[in-house]
Amino acid sequence: MSIHLEHVTFDAANAADLAAFWGGVFERPVDADATQYFATVGRTDGGLSPVLMFIQVPEERAGKNRLHLDLATTNWPAEIDRLVDLGAKRLGEYDEYGAHWVTLADPEGNLFDLAEIRA
């Protein structure tokens, strides 16, 4: 394949702060050159693919994001608690289409889901 996914980029009010949250989600460090304007997770240690990139933008987020991350875990209740402790806000729980998941928002309001991997 000639095209590959390089980054998932988040617009942010503070790039370093939002990178710290997402670095915590994936248990990866924020790359050392992070500033309030630009930050990455997984670029320098090669530990995350695609790399998460955070760029400060002047406008505030408006409305629901049109693209979101779907994450999954076998340790669902504990991971929800861990994400909330990191700063996520729990918005709703769903059990539909053969899947069980919770929708959360990161500290800047970006929505994401965490699904339960059922054995």
C-alpha atoms as a PDB file:
ATOM      1  CA  MET A   1       0.000   0.000   0.000  1.00  0.00           C
ATOM      2  CA  SER A   2       1.382   3.432  -0.894  1.00  0.00           C
ATOM      3  CA  ILE A   3      -0.593   5.405   1.716  1.00  0.00           C
ATOM      4  CA  HIS A   4      -0.456   4.843   5.471  1.00  0.00           C
ATOM      5  CA  LEU A   5      -1.979   6.617   8.456  1.00  0.00           C
ATOM      6  CA  GLU A   6       0.756   8.810   9.962  1.00  0.00           C
ATOM      7  CA  HIS A   7      -1.015  10.908  12.635  1.00  0.00           C
ATOM      8  CA  VAL A   8      -4.342  11.398  14.291  1.00  0.00           C
ATOM      9  CA  THR A   9      -4.443  15.148  14.872  1.00  0.00           C
ATOM     10  CA  PHE A  10      -6.420  16.921  17.568  1.00  0.00           C
ATOM     11  CA  ASP A  11      -7.118  20.658  17.502  1.00  0.00           C
ATOM     12  CA  ALA A  12      -6.562  21.953  21.026  1.00  0.00           C
ATOM     13  CA  ALA A  13      -6.703  25.021  23.229  1.00  0.00           C
ATOM     14  CA  ASN A  14      -3.477  23.792  24.901  1.00  0.00           C
ATOM     15  CA  ALA A  15      -1.608  21.117  22.948  1.00  0.00           C
ATOM     16  CA  ALA A  16       0.662  19.950  25.798  1.00  0.00           C
ATOM     17  CA  ASP A  17      -2.206  19.592  28.271  1.00  0.00           C
ATOM     18  CA  LEU A  18      -4.376  17.603  25.871  1.00  0.00           C
ATOM     19  CA  ALA A  19      -1.376  15.461  24.875  1.00  0.00           C
ATOM     20  CA  ALA A  20      -0.797  14.691  28.562  1.00  0.00           C
ATOM     21  CA  PHE A  21      -4.354  13.383  28.875  1.00  0.00           C
ATOM     22  CA  TRP A  22      -4.105  11.178  25.770  1.00  0.00           C
ATOM     23  CA  GLY A  23      -0.606  10.037  26.707  1.00  0.00           C
ATOM     24  CA  GLY A  24      -2.146   8.884  29.976  1.00  0.00           C
ATOM     25  CA  VAL A  25      -4.939   7.080  28.139  1.00  0.00           C
ATOM     26  CA  PHE A  26      -2.422   5.027  26.146  1.00  0.00           C
ATOM     27  CA  GLU A  27       0.162   4.927  28.961  1.00  0.00           C
ATOM     28  CA  ARG A  28       2.754   6.602  26.713  1.00  0.00           C
ATOM     29  CA  PRO A  29       4.862   9.677  27.471  1.00  0.00           C
ATOM     30  CA  VAL A  30       4.330  13.006  25.773  1.00  0.00           C
ATOM     31  CA  ASP A  31       7.262  13.627  23.442  1.00  0.00           C
ATOM     32  CA  ALA A  32       9.874  15.929  24.982  1.00  0.00           C
ATOM     33  CA  ASP A  33       9.425  18.894  22.614  1.00  0.00           C
ATOM     34  CA  ALA A  34       5.808  19.544  23.667  1.00  0.00           C
ATOM     35  CA  THR A  35       4.599  23.116  24.057  1.00  0.00           C
ATOM     36  CA  GLN A  36       1.192  24.708  24.462  1.00  0.00           C
ATOM     37  CA  TYR A  37       1.198  25.093  20.649  1.00  0.00           C
ATOM     38  CA  PHE A  38       2.352  21.647  19.456  1.00  0.00           C
ATOM     39  CA  ALA A  39       2.759  18.244  21.074  1.00  0.00           C
ATOM     40  CA  THR A  40       2.888  14.593  20.072  1.00  0.00           C
ATOM     41  CA  VAL A  41       2.575  11.205  21.721  1.00  0.00           C
ATOM     42  CA  GLY A  42       4.419   8.251  20.202  1.00  0.00           C
ATOM     43  CA  ARG A  43       6.541  10.137  17.653  1.00  0.00           C
ATOM     44  CA  THR A  44       9.955   9.858  19.326  1.00  0.00           C
ATOM     45  CA  ASP A  45       9.677   6.559  21.193  1.00  0.00           C
ATOM     46  CA  GLY A  46       8.097   4.637  18.322  1.00  0.00           C
ATOM     47  CA  GLY A  47       5.591   3.206  20.760  1.00  0.00           C
ATOM     48  CA  LEU A  48       2.313   4.321  19.235  1.00  0.00           C
ATOM     49  CA  SER A  49       1.013   4.046  15.711  1.00  0.00           C
ATOM     50  CA  PRO A  50      -0.451   6.188  14.437  1.00  0.00           C
ATOM     51  CA  VAL A  51       1.228   9.025  16.314  1.00  0.00           C
ATOM     52  CA  LEU A  52      -1.150  11.368  18.147  1.00  0.00           C
ATOM     53  CA  MET A  53      -0.516  15.023  17.283  1.00  0.00           C
ATOM     54  CA  PHE A  54      -1.980  18.050  19.071  1.00  0.00           C
ATOM     55  CA  ILE A  55      -2.000  21.544  17.572  1.00  0.00           C
ATOM     56  CA  GLN A  56      -3.243  24.705  19.242  1.00  0.00           C
ATOM     57  CA  VAL A  57      -5.970  26.474  17.263  1.00  0.00           C
ATOM     58  CA  PRO A  58      -7.605  29.827  18.064  1.00  0.00           C
ATOM     59  CA  GLU A  59     -11.229  28.758  17.669  1.00  0.00           C
ATOM     60  CA  GLU A  60     -13.183  26.759  20.229  1.00  0.00           C
ATOM     61  CA  ARG A  61     -14.682  23.396  19.394  1.00  0.00           C
ATOM     62  CA  ALA A  62     -18.303  23.788  18.339  1.00  0.00           C
ATOM     63  CA  GLY A  63     -20.789  20.923  18.350  1.00  0.00           C
ATOM     64  CA  LYS A  64     -20.181  17.205  18.252  1.00  0.00           C
ATOM     65  CA  ASN A  65     -16.942  16.060  16.645  1.00  0.00           C
ATOM     66  CA  ARG A  66     -17.582  14.282  13.346  1.00  0.00           C
ATOM     67  CA  LEU A  67     -14.771  11.772  13.874  1.00  0.00           C
ATOM     68  CA  HIS A  68     -13.949  10.005  17.114  1.00  0.00           C
ATOM     69  CA  LEU A  69     -11.744   7.242  18.451  1.00  0.00           C
ATOM     70  CA  ASP A  70     -13.253   3.869  19.350  1.00  0.00           C
ATOM     71  CA  LEU A  71     -11.131   2.130  21.976  1.00  0.00           C
ATOM     72  CA  ALA A  72     -11.681  -1.322  23.492  1.00  0.00           C
ATOM     73  CA  THR A  73     -10.523  -3.239  26.558  1.00  0.00           C
ATOM     74  CA  THR A  74     -11.119  -6.473  28.439  1.00  0.00           C
ATOM     75  CA  ASN A  75     -10.750  -4.603  31.768  1.00  0.00           C
ATOM     76  CA  TRP A  76     -13.706  -2.325  31.085  1.00  0.00           C
ATOM     77  CA  PRO A  77     -14.866  -1.063  34.527  1.00  0.00           C
ATOM     78  CA  ALA A  78     -11.325  -0.402  35.764  1.00  0.00           C
ATOM     79  CA  GLU A  79     -10.326   1.384  32.552  1.00  0.00           C
ATOM     80  CA  ILE A  80     -13.393   3.626  32.681  1.00  0.00           C
ATOM     81  CA  ASP A  81     -12.445   4.621  36.225  1.00  0.00           C
ATOM     82  CA  ARG A  82      -8.820   5.221  35.138  1.00  0.00           C
ATOM     83  CA  LEU A  83      -9.894   7.440  32.231  1.00  0.00           C
ATOM     84  CA  VAL A  84     -12.229   9.447  34.460  1.00  0.00           C
ATOM     85  CA  ASP A  85      -9.373   9.865  36.963  1.00  0.00           C
ATOM     86  CA  LEU A  86      -7.217  11.203  34.097  1.00  0.00           C
ATOM     87  CA  GLY A  87      -9.859  13.854  33.364  1.00  0.00           C
ATOM     88  CA  ALA A  88     -12.404  12.257  31.036  1.00  0.00           C
ATOM     89  CA  LYS A  89     -16.089  12.925  31.554  1.00  0.00           C
ATOM     90  CA  ARG A  90     -18.485   9.987  31.297  1.00  0.00           C
ATOM     91  CA  LEU A  91     -21.424  10.877  29.050  1.00  0.00           C
ATOM     92  CA  GLY A  92     -23.413   7.701  28.428  1.00  0.00           C
ATOM     93  CA  GLU A  93     -23.445   3.908  28.340  1.00  0.00           C
ATOM     94  CA  TYR A  94     -24.823   1.837  25.474  1.00  0.00           C
ATOM     95  CA  ASP A  95     -25.487  -1.829  24.729  1.00  0.00           C
ATOM     96  CA  GLU A  96     -26.529  -2.049  21.085  1.00  0.00           C
ATOM     97  CA  TYR A  97     -25.620  -3.868  17.876  1.00  0.00           C
ATOM     98  CA  GLY A  98     -23.911  -6.625  19.872  1.00  0.00           C
ATOM     99  CA  ALA A  99     -21.532  -4.152  21.540  1.00  0.00           C
ATOM    100  CA  HIS A 100     -21.314  -2.600  24.999  1.00  0.00           C
ATOM    101  CA  TRP A 101     -19.556   0.754  25.291  1.00  0.00           C
ATOM    102  CA  VAL A 102     -19.353   4.025  27.156  1.00  0.00           C
ATOM    103  CA  THR A 103     -19.034   7.428  25.512  1.00  0.00           C
ATOM    104  CA  LEU A 104     -16.615   9.810  27.196  1.00  0.00           C
ATOM    105  CA  ALA A 105     -15.260  13.295  26.540  1.00  0.00           C
ATOM    106  CA  ASP A 106     -11.616  14.296  26.937  1.00  0.00           C
ATOM    107  CA  PRO A 107     -10.761  17.454  28.952  1.00  0.00           C
ATOM    108  CA  GLU A 108     -11.426  19.646  25.883  1.00  0.00           C
ATOM    109  CA  GLY A 109     -14.753  17.978  25.078  1.00  0.00           C
ATOM    110  CA  ASN A 110     -13.663  15.656  22.249  1.00  0.00           C
ATOM    111  CA  LEU A 111     -15.857  12.547  22.317  1.00  0.00           C
ATOM    112  CA  PHE A 112     -14.497   8.997  22.274  1.00  0.00           C
ATOM    113  CA  ASP A 113     -15.842   5.542  23.064  1.00  0.00           C
ATOM    114  CA  LEU A 114     -14.509   2.690  25.166  1.00  0.00           C
ATOM    115  CA  ALA A 115     -15.998  -0.703  24.321  1.00  0.00           C
ATOM    116  CA  GLU A 116     -16.004  -3.790  26.487  1.00  0.00           C
ATOM    117  CA  ILE A 117     -14.299  -6.794  24.901  1.00  0.00           C
ATOM    118  CA  ARG A 118     -16.517  -9.649  25.956  1.00  0.00           C
ATOM    119  CA  ALA A 119     -14.955 -13.100  26.311  1.00  0.00           C
END
